[in-house]
């Protein structure tokens, strides 16, 4: 049993305790609350209890990256480690992120040192349909043991990336019209397949359409790469036509049509605002976008889109969003609770609550400040990173 005591606890569900405690057992949060009478635990059997003194620190849920490509686009490896885009066929829904994520990518270590304990990882945006994302924990070497949810979303892309990739090859799609038409055709065929399967009219399953069933059954959303306002609205239009859920990823011009995004009911994953405006469709990208959408009532998460900007910059991006107008607590929720909800894993992570996974991070001060240090990162109740200056229970080793 592990106790974290004395720190300021931010649960992300509304409770904040200036001096609180957290009890972890068997990888789950067993108990938490304000400190009372100096010690929250019984003295008997105390040698079976490990204690982390977090006095003067901030304790909160592990941070969550809602959209990235770490382990698929590996650092330091160039082409040999780049498995992000199967850019030879614009429609590849049957690809699965779990078959390409390498947890030994250096970015995973950087994530843990930054206090990021979960990430939504998947294919890039070269194709109209890129394949399925997976939500995984960031500690471990066996991808199958890291998975929280797979498939977790189906990647689709609008705008420049598929248009440029295939237009330059002399293939379709070379226009935004063709991107939309190809996605509609694929969703139409998948819908017919689903209905035929329900009626028992299929001779055998079709691998290329089985992967659409969780989307059409609204168990997972479309994950739409959209920057420009017109692309955002096209994505919304198609999702409504086929009655499927969707997340609006990047949403760089979302602030220009905030009322329409709110009306759609779809959440937005904003970023990577720390990157350069290196394409026409991101000319209006700005840190103010997430604050404007959040205030309009849109559920928002913040993304680094690693490796477009580095995974460890996630809290810095949230801090810059605060500087541009986002409420500070909403910024913290946009890298914890809200991405967990948007990614469909909030029953396990994203907030500090009894019964949830013990994914916890301890900061020496406000995590949105650039000079803040991560003192300790805990995943599934296991201490997986600790700063050299931080005191740990004697039986625990720093990594």
Protein backbone atom coordinates (compact mmCIF):
# COMPACT_ATOMS: atom_id res chain seq x y z
CA UNK A 1 0.00 0.00 0.00
CA UNK A 2 1.34 3.44 -0.98
CA UNK A 3 0.32 6.76 0.53
CA UNK A 4 1.02 10.20 -0.91
CA UNK A 5 0.53 12.71 1.88
CA UNK A 6 0.74 16.42 2.57
CA UNK A 7 0.57 17.80 -0.97
CA UNK A 8 -2.01 20.04 -2.60
CA UNK A 9 -4.33 17.59 -4.36
CA UNK A 10 -6.13 18.59 -7.56
CA UNK A 11 -8.68 15.88 -8.33
CA UNK A 12 -10.02 17.49 -11.55
CA UNK A 13 -13.56 16.70 -10.34
CA UNK A 14 -13.92 19.89 -8.30
CA UNK A 15 -12.27 18.94 -5.01
CA UNK A 16 -9.02 20.67 -4.12
CA UNK A 17 -7.30 19.93 -0.81
CA UNK A 18 -4.44 22.18 0.22
CA UNK A 19 -3.08 19.33 2.32
CA UNK A 20 -4.45 16.00 1.24
CA UNK A 21 -3.63 12.33 0.98
CA UNK A 22 -3.99 9.61 -1.60
CA UNK A 23 -3.97 5.89 -0.87
CA UNK A 24 -2.97 3.47 -3.64
CA UNK A 25 -3.45 -0.29 -3.51
CA UNK A 26 -3.14 -2.91 -6.26
CA UNK A 27 -2.67 -0.24 -8.91
CA UNK A 28 -5.89 1.59 -8.06
CA UNK A 29 -6.85 4.62 -5.99
CA UNK A 30 -8.29 3.18 -2.80
CA UNK A 31 -8.92 6.36 -0.82
CA UNK A 32 -8.25 10.10 -0.91
CA UNK A 33 -9.19 13.26 0.93
CA UNK A 34 -7.95 16.06 3.20
CA UNK A 35 -5.37 15.28 5.86
CA UNK A 36 -6.88 14.82 9.32
CA UNK A 37 -5.00 14.67 12.63
CA UNK A 38 -1.67 14.50 10.87
CA UNK A 39 -2.03 10.98 9.44
CA UNK A 40 -4.78 9.45 7.28
CA UNK A 41 -3.81 5.83 7.90
CA UNK A 42 -3.90 3.50 10.92
CA UNK A 43 -0.59 3.09 12.74
CA UNK A 44 -0.92 -0.67 13.06
CA UNK A 45 0.88 -2.56 10.30
CA UNK A 46 2.76 0.63 9.48
CA UNK A 47 5.79 -1.30 8.14
CA UNK A 48 3.55 -2.52 5.31
CA UNK A 49 2.75 1.07 4.35
CA UNK A 50 4.99 3.12 2.06
CA UNK A 51 4.70 6.87 2.35
CA UNK A 52 5.60 9.62 -0.12
CA UNK A 53 5.78 13.02 1.55
CA UNK A 54 4.53 15.51 -1.05
CA UNK A 55 4.44 18.53 1.26
CA UNK A 56 4.83 21.74 -0.72
CA UNK A 57 4.05 19.92 -4.00
CA UNK A 58 1.03 19.62 -6.29
CA UNK A 59 -0.50 16.17 -6.76
CA UNK A 60 -2.78 15.59 -9.74
CA UNK A 61 -3.79 12.95 -12.30
CA UNK A 62 -1.19 11.93 -14.86
CA UNK A 63 -1.44 14.13 -17.93
CA UNK A 64 -2.94 12.81 -21.17
CA UNK A 65 -1.91 13.49 -24.76
CA UNK A 66 -5.08 13.27 -26.88
CA UNK A 67 -3.48 13.06 -30.33
CA UNK A 68 0.08 12.11 -31.23
CA UNK A 69 2.32 9.79 -33.22
CA UNK A 70 5.05 8.84 -30.75
CA UNK A 71 6.33 5.34 -31.29
CA UNK A 72 4.96 5.39 -34.84
CA UNK A 73 7.12 8.28 -35.98
CA UNK A 74 10.14 7.42 -33.86
CA UNK A 75 12.78 9.93 -32.93
CA UNK A 76 16.40 9.47 -34.02
CA UNK A 77 15.59 6.80 -36.63
CA UNK A 78 14.55 8.62 -39.81
CA UNK A 79 12.76 6.58 -42.48
CA UNK A 80 13.49 3.30 -40.70
CA UNK A 81 11.43 4.38 -37.71
CA UNK A 82 8.68 6.21 -39.59
CA UNK A 83 5.53 4.09 -39.87
CA UNK A 84 3.06 6.96 -39.64
CA UNK A 85 1.53 7.01 -43.13
CA UNK A 86 0.80 4.23 -45.61
CA UNK A 87 0.71 6.84 -48.35
CA UNK A 88 -0.03 4.59 -51.34
CA UNK A 89 -3.78 4.14 -50.91
CA UNK A 90 -6.08 6.94 -49.72
CA UNK A 91 -8.50 4.54 -47.98
CA UNK A 92 -6.86 2.28 -45.36
CA UNK A 93 -9.29 1.85 -42.43
CA UNK A 94 -7.99 -1.64 -41.69
CA UNK A 95 -4.58 -0.41 -40.47
CA UNK A 96 -4.08 -0.60 -36.69
CA UNK A 97 -1.83 1.67 -34.67
CA UNK A 98 -0.91 -1.10 -32.25
CA UNK A 99 0.98 -2.86 -35.05
CA UNK A 100 3.40 0.06 -35.45
CA UNK A 101 3.80 1.69 -32.01
CA UNK A 102 7.26 1.07 -30.59
CA UNK A 103 7.19 1.78 -26.83
CA UNK A 104 10.99 1.90 -26.81
CA UNK A 105 10.89 5.19 -28.74
CA UNK A 106 12.72 7.85 -26.69
CA UNK A 107 9.53 9.91 -26.58
CA UNK A 108 8.00 7.50 -24.07
CA UNK A 109 10.73 8.24 -21.56
CA UNK A 110 10.29 11.97 -22.19
CA UNK A 111 6.55 11.59 -21.59
CA UNK A 112 7.06 9.94 -18.21
CA UNK A 113 9.59 12.57 -17.15
CA UNK A 114 7.01 15.22 -18.06
CA UNK A 115 4.22 13.51 -16.09
CA UNK A 116 2.33 12.23 -19.15
CA UNK A 117 0.93 8.80 -18.33
CA UNK A 118 -1.49 8.17 -21.22
CA UNK A 119 -1.58 8.92 -24.93
CA UNK A 120 -3.84 8.51 -27.93
CA UNK A 121 -1.56 7.30 -30.73
CA UNK A 122 -2.32 6.56 -34.35
CA UNK A 123 -1.65 7.03 -38.06
CA UNK A 124 -0.96 10.37 -39.69
CA UNK A 125 -3.06 12.39 -42.10
CA UNK A 126 -1.70 11.51 -45.56
CA UNK A 127 -4.77 9.36 -46.29
CA UNK A 128 -8.47 10.18 -46.36
CA UNK A 129 -8.88 7.23 -43.99
CA UNK A 130 -5.71 6.31 -42.16
CA UNK A 131 -6.65 3.52 -39.77
CA UNK A 132 -7.41 3.10 -36.09
CA UNK A 133 -5.86 4.87 -33.11
CA UNK A 134 -5.08 3.19 -29.79
CA UNK A 135 -5.08 4.69 -26.33
CA UNK A 136 -2.16 3.39 -24.29
CA UNK A 137 -0.22 3.97 -21.08
CA UNK A 138 3.26 5.41 -21.52
CA UNK A 139 5.19 3.00 -19.27
CA UNK A 140 6.22 -0.48 -20.42
CA UNK A 141 7.72 -2.30 -23.36
CA UNK A 142 4.94 -4.65 -24.48
CA UNK A 143 2.33 -2.70 -26.42
CA UNK A 144 -0.36 -5.28 -25.73
CA UNK A 145 0.05 -4.70 -21.99
CA UNK A 146 -0.08 -0.91 -22.38
CA UNK A 147 -3.38 -0.75 -24.24
CA UNK A 148 -6.29 0.87 -22.47
CA UNK A 149 -8.53 0.96 -25.55
CA UNK A 150 -7.97 -0.33 -29.09
CA UNK A 151 -9.44 0.54 -31.46
CA UNK A 152 -10.10 3.91 -29.85
CA UNK A 153 -10.89 6.01 -32.95
CA UNK A 154 -10.80 5.89 -36.75
CA UNK A 155 -8.52 8.47 -38.35
CA UNK A 156 -9.84 10.52 -41.25
CA UNK A 157 -8.21 13.58 -42.81
CA UNK A 158 -9.41 16.63 -44.69
CA UNK A 159 -7.57 19.46 -46.37
CA UNK A 160 -4.01 19.81 -47.56
CA UNK A 161 -2.33 16.58 -46.49
CA UNK A 162 -4.29 13.98 -48.52
CA UNK A 163 -4.83 16.51 -51.31
CA UNK A 164 -1.12 17.23 -51.70
CA UNK A 165 0.03 13.64 -51.14
CA UNK A 166 -2.16 12.16 -53.88
CA UNK A 167 -2.45 15.19 -56.15
CA UNK A 168 1.33 15.18 -56.57
CA UNK A 169 1.10 11.51 -57.60
CA UNK A 170 -1.50 12.38 -60.23
CA UNK A 171 -4.12 10.44 -58.29
CA UNK A 172 -7.38 11.21 -56.55
CA UNK A 173 -8.00 12.95 -54.21
CA UNK A 174 -6.50 16.10 -55.65
CA UNK A 175 -9.29 18.37 -54.37
CA UNK A 176 -11.32 18.85 -51.20
CA UNK A 177 -14.37 17.67 -53.14
CA UNK A 178 -12.71 14.34 -53.84
CA UNK A 179 -11.65 13.89 -50.20
CA UNK A 180 -15.25 14.34 -49.05
CA UNK A 181 -16.62 12.14 -51.84
CA UNK A 182 -14.19 9.29 -51.10
CA UNK A 183 -15.02 9.36 -47.39
CA UNK A 184 -18.75 9.39 -48.12
CA UNK A 185 -18.39 6.45 -50.48
CA UNK A 186 -16.43 4.48 -47.90
CA UNK A 187 -18.93 5.22 -45.13
CA UNK A 188 -21.81 4.33 -47.47
CA UNK A 189 -20.27 0.97 -48.37
CA UNK A 190 -19.50 0.28 -44.73
CA UNK A 191 -23.11 1.10 -43.78
CA UNK A 192 -24.43 -1.29 -46.43
CA UNK A 193 -22.04 -3.95 -45.15
CA UNK A 194 -23.28 -3.42 -41.60
CA UNK A 195 -26.93 -3.73 -42.63
CA UNK A 196 -26.25 -6.87 -44.66
CA UNK A 197 -24.43 -8.40 -41.71
CA UNK A 198 -27.36 -7.59 -39.41
CA UNK A 199 -29.69 -9.34 -41.85
CA UNK A 200 -27.43 -12.38 -42.08
CA UNK A 201 -26.84 -11.82 -45.79
CA UNK A 202 -23.05 -12.04 -45.77
CA UNK A 203 -21.34 -15.18 -46.97
CA UNK A 204 -18.23 -14.27 -44.96
CA UNK A 205 -16.84 -11.25 -43.10
CA UNK A 206 -14.94 -8.64 -45.09
CA UNK A 207 -11.75 -7.53 -43.36
CA UNK A 208 -11.87 -4.11 -45.00
CA UNK A 209 -15.31 -3.28 -43.58
CA UNK A 210 -15.38 -5.07 -40.24
CA UNK A 211 -13.16 -2.27 -38.89
CA UNK A 212 -15.98 0.24 -39.50
CA UNK A 213 -18.50 -1.49 -37.25
CA UNK A 214 -17.33 0.20 -34.00
CA UNK A 215 -17.60 3.59 -35.73
CA UNK A 216 -21.05 2.98 -37.17
CA UNK A 217 -22.18 1.54 -33.83
CA UNK A 218 -20.93 4.73 -32.13
CA UNK A 219 -18.55 2.81 -29.90
CA UNK A 220 -15.59 4.85 -31.19
CA UNK A 221 -15.49 8.19 -33.04
CA UNK A 222 -14.04 9.38 -36.29
CA UNK A 223 -10.85 11.26 -35.46
CA UNK A 224 -10.86 14.05 -38.02
CA UNK A 225 -7.72 15.94 -39.02
CA UNK A 226 -9.16 19.40 -39.69
CA UNK A 227 -7.43 22.78 -39.61
CA UNK A 228 -9.36 25.19 -41.82
CA UNK A 229 -12.88 26.35 -41.00
CA UNK A 230 -14.36 24.93 -44.22
CA UNK A 231 -12.73 21.55 -43.56
CA UNK A 232 -14.13 21.55 -40.01
CA UNK A 233 -17.62 22.19 -41.35
CA UNK A 234 -17.27 19.51 -44.06
CA UNK A 235 -16.24 16.97 -41.42
CA UNK A 236 -19.24 17.92 -39.28
CA UNK A 237 -21.55 17.65 -42.30
CA UNK A 238 -20.39 14.13 -43.16
CA UNK A 239 -20.48 12.90 -39.56
CA UNK A 240 -24.06 14.13 -39.25
CA UNK A 241 -25.03 12.49 -42.56
CA UNK A 242 -23.89 9.08 -41.32
CA UNK A 243 -24.87 9.57 -37.65
CA UNK A 244 -21.40 8.89 -36.26
CA UNK A 245 -19.42 10.49 -33.45
CA UNK A 246 -16.32 12.53 -34.15
CA UNK A 247 -13.49 14.49 -32.58
CA UNK A 248 -12.23 17.62 -34.32
CA UNK A 249 -8.46 17.30 -34.15
CA UNK A 250 -6.24 20.40 -34.56
CA UNK A 251 -9.29 22.62 -35.24
CA UNK A 252 -6.95 25.54 -35.94
CA UNK A 253 -9.68 27.85 -37.21
CA UNK A 254 -12.27 26.60 -34.73
CA UNK A 255 -12.26 29.96 -32.96
CA UNK A 256 -13.54 31.58 -36.17
CA UNK A 257 -16.65 29.35 -36.15
CA UNK A 258 -16.96 28.68 -32.41
CA UNK A 259 -20.77 28.76 -32.43
CA UNK A 260 -20.91 26.16 -35.22
CA UNK A 261 -18.44 23.87 -33.43
CA UNK A 262 -20.51 24.17 -30.23
CA UNK A 263 -23.72 23.43 -32.16
CA UNK A 264 -22.18 20.29 -33.66
CA UNK A 265 -21.73 18.76 -30.21
CA UNK A 266 -18.31 17.41 -31.16
CA UNK A 267 -15.27 17.97 -28.91
CA UNK A 268 -12.11 19.65 -30.16
CA UNK A 269 -8.47 18.65 -29.68
CA UNK A 270 -6.45 21.82 -30.24
CA UNK A 271 -2.86 22.08 -31.43
CA UNK A 272 -0.01 21.82 -32.12
CA UNK A 273 0.05 25.58 -31.52
CA UNK A 274 3.73 25.44 -30.50
CA UNK A 275 4.67 24.47 -34.08
CA UNK A 276 5.30 26.86 -36.97
CA UNK A 277 2.64 27.98 -39.43
CA UNK A 278 4.28 25.99 -42.22
CA UNK A 279 1.14 25.30 -44.26
CA UNK A 280 -1.58 27.50 -45.71
CA UNK A 281 -4.29 25.75 -43.69
CA UNK A 282 -2.65 26.67 -40.36
CA UNK A 283 -2.20 30.39 -41.02
CA UNK A 284 -4.76 31.26 -38.31
CA UNK A 285 -3.36 28.83 -35.72
CA UNK A 286 -3.07 30.50 -32.30
CA UNK A 287 -2.99 29.68 -28.60
CA UNK A 288 -6.21 31.67 -28.14
CA UNK A 289 -8.24 29.04 -30.04
CA UNK A 290 -8.67 26.61 -27.15
CA UNK A 291 -9.80 29.35 -24.77
CA UNK A 292 -12.36 30.73 -27.20
CA UNK A 293 -13.82 27.28 -27.89
CA UNK A 294 -13.76 26.35 -24.21
CA UNK A 295 -15.66 29.52 -23.27
CA UNK A 296 -18.15 28.79 -26.06
CA UNK A 297 -18.99 25.50 -24.33
CA UNK A 298 -16.95 23.12 -26.47
CA UNK A 299 -15.17 20.29 -24.64
CA UNK A 300 -11.50 20.88 -25.38
CA UNK A 301 -8.20 19.04 -25.10
CA UNK A 302 -4.72 20.31 -25.94
CA UNK A 303 -2.28 18.37 -28.10
CA UNK A 304 1.39 18.55 -29.03
CA UNK A 305 0.81 16.31 -32.06
CA UNK A 306 4.21 14.80 -31.25
CA UNK A 307 6.63 14.84 -33.03
CA UNK A 308 5.32 18.02 -34.67
CA UNK A 309 6.03 19.58 -31.29
CA UNK A 310 7.62 17.54 -28.55
CA UNK A 311 5.48 15.46 -26.19
CA UNK A 312 7.09 16.99 -23.09
CA UNK A 313 5.81 20.43 -24.16
CA UNK A 314 2.19 19.48 -23.36
CA UNK A 315 1.95 21.41 -20.05
CA UNK A 316 3.81 24.33 -21.62
CA UNK A 317 1.19 24.46 -24.39
CA UNK A 318 -1.51 24.53 -21.72
CA UNK A 319 0.31 27.35 -19.95
CA UNK A 320 0.55 29.38 -23.16
CA UNK A 321 -3.17 28.82 -23.70
CA UNK A 322 -3.78 30.31 -20.24
CA UNK A 323 -1.63 33.29 -21.21
CA UNK A 324 -3.89 33.68 -24.29
CA UNK A 325 -7.13 33.62 -22.27
CA UNK A 326 -7.97 30.06 -21.17
CA UNK A 327 -8.99 29.62 -17.52
CA UNK A 328 -6.19 27.94 -15.55
CA UNK A 329 -8.28 25.09 -14.13
CA UNK A 330 -9.82 24.50 -17.55
CA UNK A 331 -6.28 24.31 -18.96
CA UNK A 332 -5.39 21.61 -16.43
CA UNK A 333 -8.57 19.71 -17.28
CA UNK A 334 -7.68 20.04 -20.98
CA UNK A 335 -4.59 17.88 -20.36
CA UNK A 336 -6.21 15.45 -17.89
CA UNK A 337 -9.96 14.96 -17.49
CA UNK A 338 -11.19 16.28 -20.83
CA UNK A 339 -8.85 14.23 -23.05
CA UNK A 340 -9.77 11.14 -21.01
CA UNK A 341 -13.45 11.85 -21.71
CA UNK A 342 -12.86 12.68 -25.36
CA UNK A 343 -10.76 9.52 -25.87
CA UNK A 344 -13.36 7.31 -24.16
CA UNK A 345 -11.19 6.21 -21.22
CA UNK A 346 -12.48 8.43 -18.41
CA UNK A 347 -13.83 5.45 -16.49
CA UNK A 348 -10.20 4.58 -15.74
CA UNK A 349 -8.08 7.74 -15.89
CA UNK A 350 -8.13 11.53 -16.12
CA UNK A 351 -9.09 12.36 -12.53
CA UNK A 352 -8.24 11.28 -9.01
CA UNK A 353 -11.22 9.20 -7.84
CA UNK A 354 -11.67 6.03 -5.84
CA UNK A 355 -11.47 2.96 -8.08
CA UNK A 356 -9.63 4.63 -10.96
CA UNK A 357 -6.14 3.65 -12.13
CA UNK A 358 -3.43 5.12 -9.92
CA UNK A 359 -1.83 7.28 -12.62
CA UNK A 360 -0.51 10.20 -10.60
CA UNK A 361 2.05 12.96 -11.04
CA UNK A 362 3.67 15.13 -8.36
CA UNK A 363 4.95 18.60 -9.36
CA UNK A 364 7.12 20.92 -7.28
CA UNK A 365 4.85 23.86 -8.24
CA UNK A 366 2.27 24.96 -10.81
CA UNK A 367 2.60 22.48 -13.73
CA UNK A 368 1.75 25.21 -16.26
CA UNK A 369 4.92 27.15 -15.47
CA UNK A 370 7.91 26.42 -17.67
CA UNK A 371 10.38 26.01 -14.78
CA UNK A 372 8.24 23.47 -12.91
CA UNK A 373 9.77 20.06 -12.25
CA UNK A 374 8.06 16.70 -12.21
CA UNK A 375 9.10 15.20 -8.88
CA UNK A 376 7.44 11.81 -9.34
CA UNK A 377 5.37 9.95 -11.94
CA UNK A 378 3.25 6.95 -10.98
CA UNK A 379 1.58 4.60 -13.48
CA UNK A 380 -0.78 1.85 -12.33
CA UNK A 381 0.42 2.45 -8.77
CA UNK A 382 4.09 1.97 -9.68
CA UNK A 383 6.68 4.73 -9.30
CA UNK A 384 8.18 4.91 -12.80
CA UNK A 385 10.09 8.18 -12.57
CA UNK A 386 11.41 10.36 -9.74
CA UNK A 387 13.57 13.45 -9.75
CA UNK A 388 16.90 12.93 -8.03
CA UNK A 389 16.06 15.57 -5.43
CA UNK A 390 12.80 13.89 -4.42
CA UNK A 391 12.65 11.61 -1.39
CA UNK A 392 11.01 8.24 -2.03
CA UNK A 393 10.10 5.30 0.26
CA UNK A 394 13.22 3.29 1.05
CA UNK A 395 12.07 0.23 -0.91
CA UNK A 396 11.43 2.24 -4.07
CA UNK A 397 14.15 2.91 -6.66
CA UNK A 398 14.41 5.96 -8.87
CA UNK A 399 14.49 5.33 -12.62
